[in-house]
Each structure stands twice: as structure tokens, then as C-alpha cells.
C-alpha atoms as a PDB file:
ATOM      1  CA  MET A   1      -6.126  -6.923   8.110  1.00  0.00           C
ATOM      2  CA  THR A   2      -6.663  -3.588   6.538  1.00  0.00           C
ATOM      3  CA  ARG A   3      -9.003  -3.451   3.571  1.00  0.00           C
ATOM      4  CA  SER A   4      -7.133  -1.761   0.784  1.00  0.00           C
ATOM      5  CA  THR A   5      -7.988  -0.552  -2.708  1.00  0.00           C
ATOM      6  CA  VAL A   6      -5.980  -1.635  -5.735  1.00  0.00           C
ATOM      7  CA  GLU A   7      -6.297   0.639  -8.751  1.00  0.00           C
ATOM      8  CA  PHE A   8      -5.099  -0.249 -12.203  1.00  0.00           C
ATOM      9  CA  MET A   9      -5.889   0.442 -15.825  1.00  0.00           C
ATOM     10  CA  LEU A  10      -6.760  -2.351 -18.229  1.00  0.00           C
ATOM     11  CA  PHE A  11      -7.229  -1.691 -21.895  1.00  0.00           C
ATOM     12  CA  VAL A  12      -9.161  -4.558 -23.620  1.00  0.00           C
ATOM     13  CA  GLN A  13     -10.145  -4.610 -27.248  1.00  0.00           C
ATOM     14  CA  ILE A  14     -13.277  -6.635 -27.800  1.00  0.00           C
ATOM     15  CA  SER A  15     -13.851  -8.059 -31.238  1.00  0.00           C
ATOM     16  CA  PRO A  16     -17.019  -6.728 -32.794  1.00  0.00           C
ATOM     17  CA  SER A  17     -17.809 -10.121 -34.261  1.00  0.00           C
ATOM     18  CA  SER A  18     -17.745 -12.103 -31.033  1.00  0.00           C
ATOM     19  CA  GLY A  19     -18.507  -9.361 -28.442  1.00  0.00           C
ATOM     20  CA  LYS A  20     -16.777 -11.560 -25.827  1.00  0.00           C
ATOM     21  CA  LEU A  21     -13.981 -10.660 -23.460  1.00  0.00           C
ATOM     22  CA  PRO A  22     -10.739 -12.323 -24.489  1.00  0.00           C
ATOM     23  CA  HIS A  23      -9.684 -15.142 -22.130  1.00  0.00           C
ATOM     24  CA  SER A  24      -6.461 -13.509 -21.104  1.00  0.00           C
ATOM     25  CA  ALA A  25      -8.197 -10.303 -20.070  1.00  0.00           C
ATOM     26  CA  ALA A  26     -10.941 -12.205 -18.163  1.00  0.00           C
ATOM     27  CA  ASN A  27      -8.240 -14.162 -16.405  1.00  0.00           C
ATOM     28  CA  PHE A  28      -6.390 -10.957 -15.479  1.00  0.00           C
ATOM     29  CA  LEU A  29      -9.560  -9.427 -13.995  1.00  0.00           C
ATOM     30  CA  ALA A  30     -10.285 -12.586 -12.018  1.00  0.00           C
ATOM     31  CA  ASN A  31      -6.819 -12.595 -10.551  1.00  0.00           C
ATOM     32  CA  SER A  32      -6.453  -8.831  -9.993  1.00  0.00           C
ATOM     33  CA  SER A  33      -6.545  -9.325  -6.246  1.00  0.00           C
ATOM     34  CA  SER A  34      -3.119 -11.014  -6.510  1.00  0.00           C
ATOM     35  CA  LEU A  35      -1.498  -7.774  -7.743  1.00  0.00           C
ATOM     36  CA  CYS A  36       0.835  -6.633  -5.050  1.00  0.00           C
ATOM     37  CA  PRO A  37      -0.786  -8.801  -2.335  1.00  0.00           C
ATOM     38  CA  PHE A  38       0.120  -7.238   1.001  1.00  0.00           C
ATOM     39  CA  GLY A  39      -1.028  -8.064   4.446  1.00  0.00           C
ATOM     40  CA  THR A  40      -1.044  -5.344   7.060  1.00  0.00           C
ATOM     41  CA  LYS A  41      -2.772  -4.288  10.200  1.00  0.00           C
ATOM     42  CA  ASN A  42      -4.229  -0.756  10.353  1.00  0.00           C
ATOM     43  CA  THR A  43      -3.001   0.144  13.853  1.00  0.00           C
ATOM     44  CA  PHE A  44       0.352   0.362  15.587  1.00  0.00           C
ATOM     45  CA  THR A  45       1.807   2.047  18.645  1.00  0.00           C
ATOM     46  CA  PRO A  46       5.194   3.668  18.194  1.00  0.00           C
ATOM     47  CA  ASN A  47       5.840   4.200  21.897  1.00  0.00           C
ATOM     48  CA  ASP A  48       9.026   2.189  22.309  1.00  0.00           C
ATOM     49  CA  ASP A  49       7.493  -0.443  24.540  1.00  0.00           C
ATOM     50  CA  GLY A  50       8.633  -3.274  22.262  1.00  0.00           C
ATOM     51  CA  GLN A  51       5.075  -4.194  21.173  1.00  0.00           C
ATOM     52  CA  ASN A  52       3.581  -3.092  17.852  1.00  0.00           C
ATOM     53  CA  ASP A  53       6.134  -0.279  17.608  1.00  0.00           C
ATOM     54  CA  LEU A  54       6.470  -0.648  13.832  1.00  0.00           C
ATOM     55  CA  TRP A  55       3.887  -0.796  10.990  1.00  0.00           C
ATOM     56  CA  GLU A  56       4.434  -4.098   9.238  1.00  0.00           C
ATOM     57  CA  ILE A  57       3.503  -4.791   5.608  1.00  0.00           C
ATOM     58  CA  LYS A  58       3.709  -8.541   4.943  1.00  0.00           C
ATOM     59  CA  GLY A  59       4.972  -9.220   1.334  1.00  0.00           C
ATOM     60  CA  ILE A  60       6.344  -5.655   0.671  1.00  0.00           C
ATOM     61  CA  GLU A  61       9.936  -6.934   0.789  1.00  0.00           C
ATOM     62  CA  LYS A  62       9.193  -8.975  -2.475  1.00  0.00           C
ATOM     63  CA  TYR A  63       8.546  -5.781  -4.406  1.00  0.00           C
ATOM     64  CA  THR A  64      12.052  -4.159  -4.380  1.00  0.00           C
ATOM     65  CA  ASN A  65      10.983  -1.151  -6.571  1.00  0.00           C
ATOM     66  CA  ALA A  66       7.805  -0.333  -4.465  1.00  0.00           C
ATOM     67  CA  SER A  67       7.539   2.897  -2.551  1.00  0.00           C
ATOM     68  CA  ILE A  68       5.210   4.123   0.187  1.00  0.00           C
ATOM     69  CA  GLU A  69       3.914   7.679   0.757  1.00  0.00           C
ATOM     70  CA  ILE A  70       2.251   8.479   4.091  1.00  0.00           C
ATOM     71  CA  PHE A  71      -0.019  11.397   4.486  1.00  0.00           C
ATOM     72  CA  ASP A  72      -1.537  13.181   7.496  1.00  0.00           C
ATOM     73  CA  ARG A  73      -5.321  13.862   7.797  1.00  0.00           C
ATOM     74  CA  TRP A  74      -4.924  17.112   5.904  1.00  0.00           C
ATOM     75  CA  GLY A  75      -3.349  15.319   2.931  1.00  0.00           C
ATOM     76  CA  ARG A  76       0.225  16.603   3.639  1.00  0.00           C
ATOM     77  CA  LYS A  77       2.850  14.061   2.727  1.00  0.00           C
ATOM     78  CA  ILE A  78       4.777  13.375   5.850  1.00  0.00           C
ATOM     79  CA  LYS A  79       6.953  10.381   4.861  1.00  0.00           C
ATOM     80  CA  VAL A  80       8.138   8.667   1.794  1.00  0.00           C
ATOM     81  CA  ILE A  81       9.903   5.272   1.928  1.00  0.00           C
ATOM     82  CA  HIS A  82      11.646   4.182  -1.225  1.00  0.00           C
ATOM     83  CA  LYS A  83      12.804   0.896  -2.666  1.00  0.00           C
ATOM     84  CA  ASN A  84      13.819  -2.228  -0.735  1.00  0.00           C
ATOM     85  CA  ILE A  85      11.204  -1.605   1.957  1.00  0.00           C
ATOM     86  CA  PRO A  86      11.495  -4.007   4.864  1.00  0.00           C
ATOM     87  CA  LEU A  87       8.679  -5.980   6.491  1.00  0.00           C
ATOM     88  CA  GLN A  88       8.745  -3.435   9.259  1.00  0.00           C
ATOM     89  CA  ALA A  89       8.094  -0.559   6.963  1.00  0.00           C
ATOM     90  CA  TRP A  90       7.357   2.472   9.132  1.00  0.00           C
ATOM     91  CA  ASP A  91       8.460   3.445  12.616  1.00  0.00           C
ATOM     92  CA  GLY A  92       5.919   6.242  12.993  1.00  0.00           C
ATOM     93  CA  LYS A  93       8.403   9.045  12.303  1.00  0.00           C
ATOM     94  CA  ASN A  94       8.012  11.820   9.772  1.00  0.00           C
ATOM     95  CA  GLU A  95      10.771  12.925   7.353  1.00  0.00           C
ATOM     96  CA  ASP A  96      12.274  15.031  10.160  1.00  0.00           C
ATOM     97  CA  GLY A  97      12.617  12.018  12.396  1.00  0.00           C
ATOM     98  CA  THR A  98       9.959  13.163  14.843  1.00  0.00           C
ATOM     99  CA  THR A  99       7.352  10.571  16.007  1.00  0.00           C
ATOM    100  CA  VAL A 100       4.008  11.591  14.686  1.00  0.00           C
ATOM    101  CA  GLU A 101       1.053  12.375  16.888  1.00  0.00           C
ATOM    102  CA  SER A 102      -1.698   9.808  17.617  1.00  0.00           C
ATOM    103  CA  GLY A 103      -4.266   9.884  14.834  1.00  0.00           C
ATOM    104  CA  THR A 104      -5.235   8.478  11.446  1.00  0.00           C
ATOM    105  CA  TYR A 105      -2.715   8.534   8.609  1.00  0.00           C
ATOM    106  CA  TYR A 106      -3.196   7.474   4.999  1.00  0.00           C
ATOM    107  CA  TYR A 107      -0.842   5.511   2.767  1.00  0.00           C
ATOM    108  CA  LEU A 108      -0.305   4.984  -0.887  1.00  0.00           C
ATOM    109  CA  ILE A 109       1.854   1.987  -1.924  1.00  0.00           C
ATOM    110  CA  ASN A 110       3.180   2.343  -5.423  1.00  0.00           C
ATOM    111  CA  CYS A 111       4.152  -0.957  -6.895  1.00  0.00           C
ATOM    112  CA  ALA A 112       6.842  -1.476  -9.546  1.00  0.00           C
ATOM    113  CA  HIS A 113       4.149  -1.287 -12.149  1.00  0.00           C
ATOM    114  CA  PRO A 114       3.195   2.423 -12.421  1.00  0.00           C
ATOM    115  CA  SER A 115      -0.506   1.840 -12.774  1.00  0.00           C
ATOM    116  CA  ILE A 116      -0.951  -0.240  -9.631  1.00  0.00           C
ATOM    117  CA  HIS A 117      -1.521   1.662  -6.365  1.00  0.00           C
ATOM    118  CA  ILE A 118      -2.769   0.417  -3.020  1.00  0.00           C
ATOM    119  CA  LYS A 119      -4.436   2.939  -0.706  1.00  0.00           C
ATOM    120  CA  GLY A 120      -5.419   2.606   2.909  1.00  0.00           C
ATOM    121  CA  TYR A 121      -5.241   4.078   6.366  1.00  0.00           C
ATOM    122  CA  ILE A 122      -3.217   3.508   9.599  1.00  0.00           C
ATOM    123  CA  ASN A 123      -4.137   4.387  13.109  1.00  0.00           C
ATOM    124  CA  VAL A 124      -1.253   5.487  15.247  1.00  0.00           C
ATOM    125  CA  PHE A 125      -1.663   5.403  19.011  1.00  0.00           C
ATOM    126  CA  LYS A 126       1.030   6.387  21.531  1.00  0.00           C
END
């Protein structure tokens, strides 16, 4: 499984009298790993041999408003996948429909909540 980073903003107001974190905020922080919980491998081989040809993201289909942006090693956005993303999210092709070269690519998954983003990388081998 790929190790991803989840970024979000949490605003908490702590009462000057108690100096303690409110229970609901503490519970939110403790359960932050459950925000957009996806499972994915960081390698796939889009070479049409019928094995590992697609990059799968387990759980993404539950987030109908999620989107994925994929970038090359220079930071150029090469693919955007919008709403209703299937389990088999990416076929290794750029926006022009050309299969990308072997290498490392980076992704940003934007969940329905605008302040939750998951970043990671994908190795593509042909």
C-alpha cells in the first residue's frame, strides 16, 4: 500500500478557563486517518498484458465528488479525473490519450470536502 498524506485544516477554540481541547475536536484528530480512506498500490504496468494494467484506488468509488490530478516529475498536470471515479481509476494515459512513459508520477486526490487532499506517487512501468 502507498503511504499517503492527508492534509486538512481544523480550527479549534480552547477555553482560556480550562485550557483543554474540546472532546469533539480531540475525537476528530484521533479519527483523522478515516478521512477519505483509500487503499492503493504505488505501481502499475499499463502494457495491455491483462495484469496490473490499471491503477486501482480501493474506496474512491464511495466519494462521488472526488477528483484526481496526476502530475509528471516536472510538476506538469498530465491528467485530471473528475467525479464518479471507478475503482480502476487510471489507465496510464494522459489527457491526449497517449500512454505515459515509464517513470514516477504524483497524484493529488481532492475529496468532496475542499480542505482534504491526499498526495502520493505512482510508479509506472511498461
